[in-house]
Amino acid sequence: MIKVHENGRSMVEILGVLAIIGVLSVGGLAGYSKAMQKNKVNKTEDEIVQIMTNLRTLFSTSGSEFTFGEDELKQAIKADVFPKHMVVDLEKLQNLYKGEVKLSVVKIDGNSTFKLTYEGLPKEAVLAIATAYWGDETTGMVQVIINEDRYEY
């Protein structure tokens, strides 16, 4: 009687292990992708809060130095209102989704206020921003406009 000693693993066992590793990797990548998307949405919300706070500070402390005209974006960029990663140049801002960010000054009920426009946001970011609590009229965002649909606070 001849005794056979097996060394190593069979091809079927190796393929089974590789299949399991492949399935786990795909699941991990999907989870990682969702986490990165959520992180971008959170960073966008944080940016908006930071910009709103900085603009309010700029408006309240500058008095007559900050003029409401065509160059308010340049003035705001020079005053470091926007996070550095958003500033493309003195006339252009870009959000994390590579869409443009615009600043304009508008009159509402005779009072000057600012309008911040984010373009190119995906649905999940728009939904998160539109449904977040931003405070009341004196401390927070007054309205969110999505494709000309207004959501009042």
C-alpha atoms as a PDB file:
ATOM      1  CA  MET A   1       0.000   0.000   0.000  1.00  0.00           C
ATOM      2  CA  ILE A   2       1.364   3.366  -1.056  1.00  0.00           C
ATOM      3  CA  LYS A   3       0.793   6.354   1.166  1.00  0.00           C
ATOM      4  CA  VAL A   4       0.296   9.706  -0.518  1.00  0.00           C
ATOM      5  CA  HIS A   5       1.081  12.883   1.390  1.00  0.00           C
ATOM      6  CA  GLU A   6      -0.728  16.031   0.313  1.00  0.00           C
ATOM      7  CA  ASN A   7       1.204  19.257   0.380  1.00  0.00           C
ATOM      8  CA  GLY A   8      -0.594  22.550  -0.141  1.00  0.00           C
ATOM      9  CA  ARG A   9      -4.160  23.242  -1.243  1.00  0.00           C
ATOM     10  CA  SER A  10      -6.207  22.194  -4.236  1.00  0.00           C
ATOM     11  CA  MET A  11      -7.141  24.610  -7.004  1.00  0.00           C
ATOM     12  CA  VAL A  12     -10.814  24.535  -5.939  1.00  0.00           C
ATOM     13  CA  GLU A  13      -9.927  25.590  -2.383  1.00  0.00           C
ATOM     14  CA  ILE A  14      -7.785  28.470  -3.637  1.00  0.00           C
ATOM     15  CA  LEU A  15     -10.508  29.659  -6.012  1.00  0.00           C
ATOM     16  CA  GLY A  16     -13.027  29.526  -3.157  1.00  0.00           C
ATOM     17  CA  VAL A  17     -10.812  31.674  -0.956  1.00  0.00           C
ATOM     18  CA  LEU A  18     -10.272  34.183  -3.805  1.00  0.00           C
ATOM     19  CA  ALA A  19     -14.028  34.371  -4.432  1.00  0.00           C
ATOM     20  CA  ILE A  20     -14.670  35.143  -0.759  1.00  0.00           C
ATOM     21  CA  ILE A  21     -11.962  37.816  -0.750  1.00  0.00           C
ATOM     22  CA  GLY A  22     -13.473  39.344  -3.909  1.00  0.00           C
ATOM     23  CA  VAL A  23     -16.970  39.545  -2.407  1.00  0.00           C
ATOM     24  CA  LEU A  24     -15.659  41.134   0.791  1.00  0.00           C
ATOM     25  CA  SER A  25     -13.610  43.647  -1.207  1.00  0.00           C
ATOM     26  CA  VAL A  26     -16.596  44.758  -3.283  1.00  0.00           C
ATOM     27  CA  GLY A  27     -18.658  45.239  -0.127  1.00  0.00           C
ATOM     28  CA  GLY A  28     -15.860  47.193   1.497  1.00  0.00           C
ATOM     29  CA  LEU A  29     -15.449  49.454  -1.517  1.00  0.00           C
ATOM     30  CA  ALA A  30     -19.189  50.164  -1.635  1.00  0.00           C
ATOM     31  CA  GLY A  31     -19.187  51.083   2.056  1.00  0.00           C
ATOM     32  CA  TYR A  32     -16.106  53.242   1.612  1.00  0.00           C
ATOM     33  CA  SER A  33     -17.703  55.031  -1.332  1.00  0.00           C
ATOM     34  CA  LYS A  34     -20.850  55.806   0.679  1.00  0.00           C
ATOM     35  CA  ALA A  35     -18.750  57.066   3.580  1.00  0.00           C
ATOM     36  CA  MET A  36     -16.823  59.391   1.259  1.00  0.00           C
ATOM     37  CA  GLN A  37     -20.081  60.753  -0.205  1.00  0.00           C
ATOM     38  CA  LYS A  38     -21.441  61.413   3.303  1.00  0.00           C
ATOM     39  CA  ASN A  39     -18.156  63.090   4.227  1.00  0.00           C
ATOM     40  CA  LYS A  40     -18.446  65.447   1.224  1.00  0.00           C
ATOM     41  CA  VAL A  41     -22.022  66.353   2.167  1.00  0.00           C
ATOM     42  CA  ASN A  42     -20.972  67.084   5.758  1.00  0.00           C
ATOM     43  CA  LYS A  43     -18.019  69.186   4.592  1.00  0.00           C
ATOM     44  CA  THR A  44     -20.328  71.151   2.276  1.00  0.00           C
ATOM     45  CA  GLU A  45     -22.708  71.877   5.162  1.00  0.00           C
ATOM     46  CA  ASP A  46     -19.767  72.935   7.344  1.00  0.00           C
ATOM     47  CA  GLU A  47     -18.502  75.220   4.573  1.00  0.00           C
ATOM     48  CA  ILE A  48     -21.883  76.915   4.307  1.00  0.00           C
ATOM     49  CA  VAL A  49     -22.007  77.512   8.070  1.00  0.00           C
ATOM     50  CA  GLN A  50     -18.465  78.907   8.018  1.00  0.00           C
ATOM     51  CA  ILE A  51     -19.202  81.183   5.058  1.00  0.00           C
ATOM     52  CA  MET A  52     -22.450  82.460   6.579  1.00  0.00           C
ATOM     53  CA  THR A  53     -20.718  83.212   9.882  1.00  0.00           C
ATOM     54  CA  ASN A  54     -17.793  84.940   8.167  1.00  0.00           C
ATOM     55  CA  LEU A  55     -20.103  87.006   5.949  1.00  0.00           C
ATOM     56  CA  ARG A  56     -22.178  88.151   8.927  1.00  0.00           C
ATOM     57  CA  THR A  57     -19.005  89.133  10.744  1.00  0.00           C
ATOM     58  CA  LEU A  58     -17.721  90.960   7.663  1.00  0.00           C
ATOM     59  CA  PHE A  59     -20.999  92.836   7.174  1.00  0.00           C
ATOM     60  CA  SER A  60     -21.323  93.806  10.836  1.00  0.00           C
ATOM     61  CA  THR A  61     -17.694  94.837  11.484  1.00  0.00           C
ATOM     62  CA  SER A  62     -16.799  96.540   8.216  1.00  0.00           C
ATOM     63  CA  GLY A  63     -19.561  99.140   8.213  1.00  0.00           C
ATOM     64  CA  SER A  64     -19.060 101.413   5.233  1.00  0.00           C
ATOM     65  CA  GLU A  65     -15.831  99.664   4.179  1.00  0.00           C
ATOM     66  CA  PHE A  66     -17.744  96.789   2.624  1.00  0.00           C
ATOM     67  CA  THR A  67     -19.664  98.173  -0.326  1.00  0.00           C
ATOM     68  CA  PHE A  68     -22.565  96.438  -1.987  1.00  0.00           C
ATOM     69  CA  GLY A  69     -21.678  96.341  -5.643  1.00  0.00           C
ATOM     70  CA  GLU A  70     -20.231  94.219  -8.386  1.00  0.00           C
ATOM     71  CA  ASP A  71     -17.014  93.424  -6.550  1.00  0.00           C
ATOM     72  CA  GLU A  72     -18.415  92.055  -3.268  1.00  0.00           C
ATOM     73  CA  LEU A  73     -17.054  88.607  -4.151  1.00  0.00           C
ATOM     74  CA  LYS A  74     -13.529  90.001  -4.544  1.00  0.00           C
ATOM     75  CA  GLN A  75     -13.856  91.860  -1.250  1.00  0.00           C
ATOM     76  CA  ALA A  76     -15.135  88.751   0.525  1.00  0.00           C
ATOM     77  CA  ILE A  77     -12.322  86.599  -0.892  1.00  0.00           C
ATOM     78  CA  LYS A  78      -9.712  89.164   0.186  1.00  0.00           C
ATOM     79  CA  ALA A  79     -11.287  89.191   3.661  1.00  0.00           C
ATOM     80  CA  ASP A  80     -10.852  85.383   3.905  1.00  0.00           C
ATOM     81  CA  VAL A  81     -14.589  84.702   4.110  1.00  0.00           C
ATOM     82  CA  PHE A  82     -14.281  81.474   2.113  1.00  0.00           C
ATOM     83  CA  PRO A  83     -12.176  78.405   2.911  1.00  0.00           C
ATOM     84  CA  LYS A  84      -8.923  78.446   0.929  1.00  0.00           C
ATOM     85  CA  HIS A  85      -9.718  75.253  -1.027  1.00  0.00           C
ATOM     86  CA  MET A  86     -12.780  76.954  -2.554  1.00  0.00           C
ATOM     87  CA  VAL A  87     -10.947  79.932  -4.028  1.00  0.00           C
ATOM     88  CA  VAL A  88      -9.948  79.444  -7.665  1.00  0.00           C
ATOM     89  CA  ASP A  89      -9.082  83.121  -8.178  1.00  0.00           C
ATOM     90  CA  LEU A  90     -10.466  86.517  -7.104  1.00  0.00           C
ATOM     91  CA  GLU A  91     -13.491  86.064  -9.331  1.00  0.00           C
ATOM     92  CA  LYS A  92     -14.343  82.380  -8.994  1.00  0.00           C
ATOM     93  CA  LEU A  93     -15.183  79.940  -6.219  1.00  0.00           C
ATOM     94  CA  GLN A  94     -15.600  76.182  -6.543  1.00  0.00           C
ATOM     95  CA  ASN A  95     -17.362  73.741  -4.204  1.00  0.00           C
ATOM     96  CA  LEU A  96     -16.238  70.185  -3.395  1.00  0.00           C
ATOM     97  CA  TYR A  97     -18.302  68.841  -6.307  1.00  0.00           C
ATOM     98  CA  LYS A  98     -16.470  71.127  -8.776  1.00  0.00           C
ATOM     99  CA  GLY A  99     -19.556  73.317  -9.192  1.00  0.00           C
ATOM    100  CA  GLU A 100     -19.398  77.093  -9.007  1.00  0.00           C
ATOM    101  CA  VAL A 101     -20.223  79.040  -5.841  1.00  0.00           C
ATOM    102  CA  LYS A 102     -21.613  82.541  -6.291  1.00  0.00           C
ATOM    103  CA  LEU A 103     -22.066  85.391  -3.837  1.00  0.00           C
ATOM    104  CA  SER A 104     -24.446  88.249  -4.429  1.00  0.00           C
ATOM    105  CA  VAL A 105     -26.023  90.924  -2.288  1.00  0.00           C
ATOM    106  CA  VAL A 106     -29.803  91.239  -2.461  1.00  0.00           C
ATOM    107  CA  LYS A 107     -32.487  93.422  -0.888  1.00  0.00           C
ATOM    108  CA  ILE A 108     -35.220  91.666   1.059  1.00  0.00           C
ATOM    109  CA  ASP A 109     -37.903  93.896   2.588  1.00  0.00           C
ATOM    110  CA  GLY A 110     -35.585  96.884   2.236  1.00  0.00           C
ATOM    111  CA  ASN A 111     -32.698  95.194   4.054  1.00  0.00           C
ATOM    112  CA  SER A 112     -29.459  94.157   2.400  1.00  0.00           C
ATOM    113  CA  THR A 113     -28.488  90.533   2.817  1.00  0.00           C
ATOM    114  CA  PHE A 114     -26.398  88.043   0.925  1.00  0.00           C
ATOM    115  CA  LYS A 115     -27.284  85.201  -1.389  1.00  0.00           C
ATOM    116  CA  LEU A 116     -24.974  82.223  -1.635  1.00  0.00           C
ATOM    117  CA  THR A 117     -25.515  79.966  -4.653  1.00  0.00           C
ATOM    118  CA  TYR A 118     -24.051  76.461  -4.900  1.00  0.00           C
ATOM    119  CA  GLU A 119     -24.151  74.814  -8.316  1.00  0.00           C
ATOM    120  CA  GLY A 120     -23.481  71.214  -9.315  1.00  0.00           C
ATOM    121  CA  LEU A 121     -24.505  69.519  -6.071  1.00  0.00           C
ATOM    122  CA  PRO A 122     -25.785  65.932  -6.231  1.00  0.00           C
ATOM    123  CA  LYS A 123     -29.269  65.056  -4.952  1.00  0.00           C
ATOM    124  CA  GLU A 124     -28.068  63.722  -1.593  1.00  0.00           C
ATOM    125  CA  ALA A 125     -26.185  66.950  -0.837  1.00  0.00           C
ATOM    126  CA  VAL A 126     -29.146  69.108  -1.873  1.00  0.00           C
ATOM    127  CA  LEU A 127     -31.496  67.048   0.286  1.00  0.00           C
ATOM    128  CA  ALA A 128     -29.194  67.248   3.320  1.00  0.00           C
ATOM    129  CA  ILE A 129     -28.761  71.018   2.961  1.00  0.00           C
ATOM    130  CA  ALA A 130     -32.466  71.673   2.357  1.00  0.00           C
ATOM    131  CA  THR A 131     -33.568  69.631   5.371  1.00  0.00           C
ATOM    132  CA  ALA A 132     -30.893  70.757   7.854  1.00  0.00           C
ATOM    133  CA  TYR A 133     -31.852  73.098  10.685  1.00  0.00           C
ATOM    134  CA  TRP A 134     -30.150  76.422  10.033  1.00  0.00           C
ATOM    135  CA  GLY A 135     -31.563  78.523  12.865  1.00  0.00           C
ATOM    136  CA  ASP A 136     -34.175  81.257  12.802  1.00  0.00           C
ATOM    137  CA  GLU A 137     -34.369  84.342  10.557  1.00  0.00           C
ATOM    138  CA  THR A 138     -31.896  86.321  12.645  1.00  0.00           C
ATOM    139  CA  THR A 139     -29.280  83.621  13.116  1.00  0.00           C
ATOM    140  CA  GLY A 140     -29.622  81.262  10.202  1.00  0.00           C
ATOM    141  CA  MET A 141     -30.489  80.675   6.608  1.00  0.00           C
ATOM    142  CA  VAL A 142     -33.799  82.173   5.556  1.00  0.00           C
ATOM    143  CA  GLN A 143     -34.523  79.993   2.533  1.00  0.00           C
ATOM    144  CA  VAL A 144     -33.091  77.339   0.274  1.00  0.00           C
ATOM    145  CA  ILE A 145     -33.884  77.538  -3.439  1.00  0.00           C
ATOM    146  CA  ILE A 146     -33.500  74.352  -5.456  1.00  0.00           C
ATOM    147  CA  ASN A 147     -34.132  74.779  -9.172  1.00  0.00           C
ATOM    148  CA  GLU A 148     -36.347  77.772  -8.337  1.00  0.00           C
ATOM    149  CA  ASP A 149     -38.436  75.830  -5.755  1.00  0.00           C
ATOM    150  CA  ARG A 150     -38.361  77.806  -2.486  1.00  0.00           C
ATOM    151  CA  TYR A 151     -38.198  76.187   0.949  1.00  0.00           C
ATOM    152  CA  GLU A 152     -38.870  78.763   3.676  1.00  0.00           C
ATOM    153  CA  TYR A 153     -37.631  78.425   7.265  1.00  0.00           C
END
